[in-house]
Structures are given as C-alpha cells and as structure tokens.
Amino acid sequence: MGDDLYCNQPLCKLITEQGFHYILVCKPKSHTYLYDWVEGLEKIDGVTRVVKRRRKGKKRWIETYRFVNNVPLRGSDDALEVNWCELTITGNP
C-alpha cells in the first residue's frame, strides 16, 4: 500500500515483476490520463458501481464503490494496465 507518490509506472512494474500485488493512491491531478479513461468509460456505462447503505444505531451512511479493470496508468504505448477503484462515503458515519 502506498500514496500517490508511489503510483508511477517504474515502481508498479518493479512490484509486478517481483510477483507482488499493490494498492496505491492515484490522484486525479497527477494521473490525468487514467482519469480521462475512467471518465470516458463512465459515459458509456463502462464503470461498475455498487452502492451499500449502512446503519449503526442512529448513524446512517452510504458507501458508493466504483471500479474498472484494465485502464492505462499513463499515456504511452507501453503503459501498464491497472485496476482502478474508488470509495465515496456520504452521510453521517
């Protein structure tokens, strides 16, 4: 696991070559190509969305998960294809 600083092609490739898996943050401002892909896929219903309503006592909230597989990490011919996911929590958790 790592933050946005670790989410780059050379490091992701190295992690994969070593046989590991990873979860890294990728912010829209630093990964514009990836987020352009996600936005384009969203327009054609290519992004899966799962909504879960949660409750604990009087507190209620909604978890919205969005994900898509095999999107390019960057805008080059040799770009790694990664799986992207997002969790948005709204309400009063």
C-alpha atoms as a PDB file:
ATOM      1  CA  MET A   1       0.000   0.000   0.000  1.00  0.00           C
ATOM      2  CA  GLY A   2       1.228   3.485  -0.756  1.00  0.00           C
ATOM      3  CA  ASP A   3       0.220   7.024  -1.504  1.00  0.00           C
ATOM      4  CA  ASP A   4       0.199   8.921  -4.785  1.00  0.00           C
ATOM      5  CA  LEU A   5       3.987   9.383  -4.800  1.00  0.00           C
ATOM      6  CA  TYR A   6       4.452   5.634  -5.325  1.00  0.00           C
ATOM      7  CA  CYS A   7       1.896   5.315  -8.112  1.00  0.00           C
ATOM      8  CA  ASN A   8       4.162   5.524 -11.150  1.00  0.00           C
ATOM      9  CA  GLN A   9       4.945   3.143 -13.996  1.00  0.00           C
ATOM     10  CA  PRO A  10       8.538   2.202 -12.998  1.00  0.00           C
ATOM     11  CA  LEU A  11       7.628   1.289  -9.421  1.00  0.00           C
ATOM     12  CA  CYS A  12       4.405  -0.510 -10.369  1.00  0.00           C
ATOM     13  CA  LYS A  13       6.303  -2.510 -12.976  1.00  0.00           C
ATOM     14  CA  LEU A  14       9.009  -3.429 -10.465  1.00  0.00           C
ATOM     15  CA  ILE A  15       6.426  -4.556  -7.898  1.00  0.00           C
ATOM     16  CA  THR A  16       4.657  -6.687 -10.516  1.00  0.00           C
ATOM     17  CA  GLU A  17       7.907  -8.226 -11.780  1.00  0.00           C
ATOM     18  CA  GLN A  18       8.687  -9.326  -8.210  1.00  0.00           C
ATOM     19  CA  GLY A  19       5.362 -11.188  -8.106  1.00  0.00           C
ATOM     20  CA  PHE A  20       3.650  -8.854  -5.665  1.00  0.00           C
ATOM     21  CA  HIS A  21       0.321  -7.059  -5.763  1.00  0.00           C
ATOM     22  CA  TYR A  22      -0.233  -3.459  -4.771  1.00  0.00           C
ATOM     23  CA  ILE A  23      -2.824  -0.901  -3.762  1.00  0.00           C
ATOM     24  CA  LEU A  24      -1.751   2.657  -4.456  1.00  0.00           C
ATOM     25  CA  VAL A  25      -3.488   6.006  -4.357  1.00  0.00           C
ATOM     26  CA  CYS A  26      -3.656   7.841  -7.670  1.00  0.00           C
ATOM     27  CA  LYS A  27      -4.976  11.368  -7.536  1.00  0.00           C
ATOM     28  CA  PRO A  28      -6.849  12.871 -10.493  1.00  0.00           C
ATOM     29  CA  LYS A  29      -4.432  15.814 -10.800  1.00  0.00           C
ATOM     30  CA  SER A  30      -1.355  13.601 -11.087  1.00  0.00           C
ATOM     31  CA  HIS A  31      -2.948  10.817 -13.171  1.00  0.00           C
ATOM     32  CA  THR A  32      -4.979  12.795 -15.683  1.00  0.00           C
ATOM     33  CA  TYR A  33      -4.670  10.185 -18.456  1.00  0.00           C
ATOM     34  CA  LEU A  34      -6.059   7.404 -16.254  1.00  0.00           C
ATOM     35  CA  TYR A  35      -8.914   9.587 -15.018  1.00  0.00           C
ATOM     36  CA  ASP A  36      -9.742  10.661 -18.593  1.00  0.00           C
ATOM     37  CA  TRP A  37     -10.171   6.955 -19.383  1.00  0.00           C
ATOM     38  CA  VAL A  38     -12.383   6.428 -16.346  1.00  0.00           C
ATOM     39  CA  GLU A  39     -14.481   9.470 -17.274  1.00  0.00           C
ATOM     40  CA  GLY A  40     -14.873   8.191 -20.836  1.00  0.00           C
ATOM     41  CA  LEU A  41     -15.867   4.737 -19.618  1.00  0.00           C
ATOM     42  CA  GLU A  42     -18.350   6.292 -17.181  1.00  0.00           C
ATOM     43  CA  LYS A  43     -20.148   7.937 -20.113  1.00  0.00           C
ATOM     44  CA  ILE A  44     -20.723   4.560 -21.769  1.00  0.00           C
ATOM     45  CA  ASP A  45     -21.579   2.692 -18.552  1.00  0.00           C
ATOM     46  CA  GLY A  46     -18.165   1.005 -18.502  1.00  0.00           C
ATOM     47  CA  VAL A  47     -17.562   1.685 -14.800  1.00  0.00           C
ATOM     48  CA  THR A  48     -19.140  -0.711 -12.316  1.00  0.00           C
ATOM     49  CA  ARG A  49     -20.939   0.953  -9.413  1.00  0.00           C
ATOM     50  CA  VAL A  50     -22.041  -0.700  -6.161  1.00  0.00           C
ATOM     51  CA  VAL A  51     -23.981   1.245  -3.530  1.00  0.00           C
ATOM     52  CA  LYS A  52     -24.273   0.000   0.060  1.00  0.00           C
ATOM     53  CA  ARG A  53     -26.477   1.660   2.656  1.00  0.00           C
ATOM     54  CA  ARG A  54     -25.096   1.261   6.163  1.00  0.00           C
ATOM     55  CA  ARG A  55     -26.531   1.865   9.588  1.00  0.00           C
ATOM     56  CA  LYS A  56     -25.137   1.676  13.084  1.00  0.00           C
ATOM     57  CA  GLY A  57     -27.549   2.884  15.727  1.00  0.00           C
ATOM     58  CA  LYS A  58     -28.804   6.285  14.665  1.00  0.00           C
ATOM     59  CA  LYS A  59     -25.937   6.857  12.252  1.00  0.00           C
ATOM     60  CA  ARG A  60     -26.588   6.182   8.583  1.00  0.00           C
ATOM     61  CA  TRP A  61     -24.301   6.492   5.610  1.00  0.00           C
ATOM     62  CA  ILE A  62     -23.945   5.405   2.019  1.00  0.00           C
ATOM     63  CA  GLU A  63     -20.840   3.770   0.577  1.00  0.00           C
ATOM     64  CA  THR A  64     -20.508   4.109  -3.196  1.00  0.00           C
ATOM     65  CA  TYR A  65     -17.884   1.897  -4.805  1.00  0.00           C
ATOM     66  CA  ARG A  66     -16.820   2.442  -8.421  1.00  0.00           C
ATOM     67  CA  PHE A  67     -14.313   0.268 -10.244  1.00  0.00           C
ATOM     68  CA  VAL A  68     -12.994  -0.662 -13.657  1.00  0.00           C
ATOM     69  CA  ASN A  69     -10.291  -3.086 -14.797  1.00  0.00           C
ATOM     70  CA  ASN A  70      -7.505  -2.716 -17.342  1.00  0.00           C
ATOM     71  CA  VAL A  71      -7.150   1.037 -17.716  1.00  0.00           C
ATOM     72  CA  PRO A  72      -3.787   2.528 -18.750  1.00  0.00           C
ATOM     73  CA  LEU A  73      -1.733   4.079 -15.972  1.00  0.00           C
ATOM     74  CA  ARG A  74      -0.223   6.648 -18.327  1.00  0.00           C
ATOM     75  CA  GLY A  75      -0.470   7.842 -21.907  1.00  0.00           C
ATOM     76  CA  SER A  76       2.202   5.776 -23.635  1.00  0.00           C
ATOM     77  CA  ASP A  77       2.313   2.687 -25.819  1.00  0.00           C
ATOM     78  CA  ASP A  78       3.996   0.681 -23.045  1.00  0.00           C
ATOM     79  CA  ALA A  79       1.592   1.802 -20.286  1.00  0.00           C
ATOM     80  CA  LEU A  80       0.719  -0.726 -17.615  1.00  0.00           C
ATOM     81  CA  GLU A  81      -2.937  -1.601 -17.435  1.00  0.00           C
ATOM     82  CA  VAL A  82      -4.195  -1.307 -13.870  1.00  0.00           C
ATOM     83  CA  ASN A  83      -7.418  -1.866 -11.995  1.00  0.00           C
ATOM     84  CA  TRP A  84      -8.940   1.344 -10.625  1.00  0.00           C
ATOM     85  CA  CYS A  85     -11.372   1.682  -7.733  1.00  0.00           C
ATOM     86  CA  GLU A  86     -12.920   4.455  -5.696  1.00  0.00           C
ATOM     87  CA  LEU A  87     -14.907   4.566  -2.459  1.00  0.00           C
ATOM     88  CA  THR A  88     -17.068   7.575  -1.595  1.00  0.00           C
ATOM     89  CA  ILE A  89     -18.811   7.749   1.774  1.00  0.00           C
ATOM     90  CA  THR A  90     -21.697  10.164   2.226  1.00  0.00           C
ATOM     91  CA  GLY A  91     -23.947  10.767   5.188  1.00  0.00           C
ATOM     92  CA  ASN A  92     -23.140  10.619   8.878  1.00  0.00           C
ATOM     93  CA  PRO A  93     -20.723   7.738   9.588  1.00  0.00           C
END
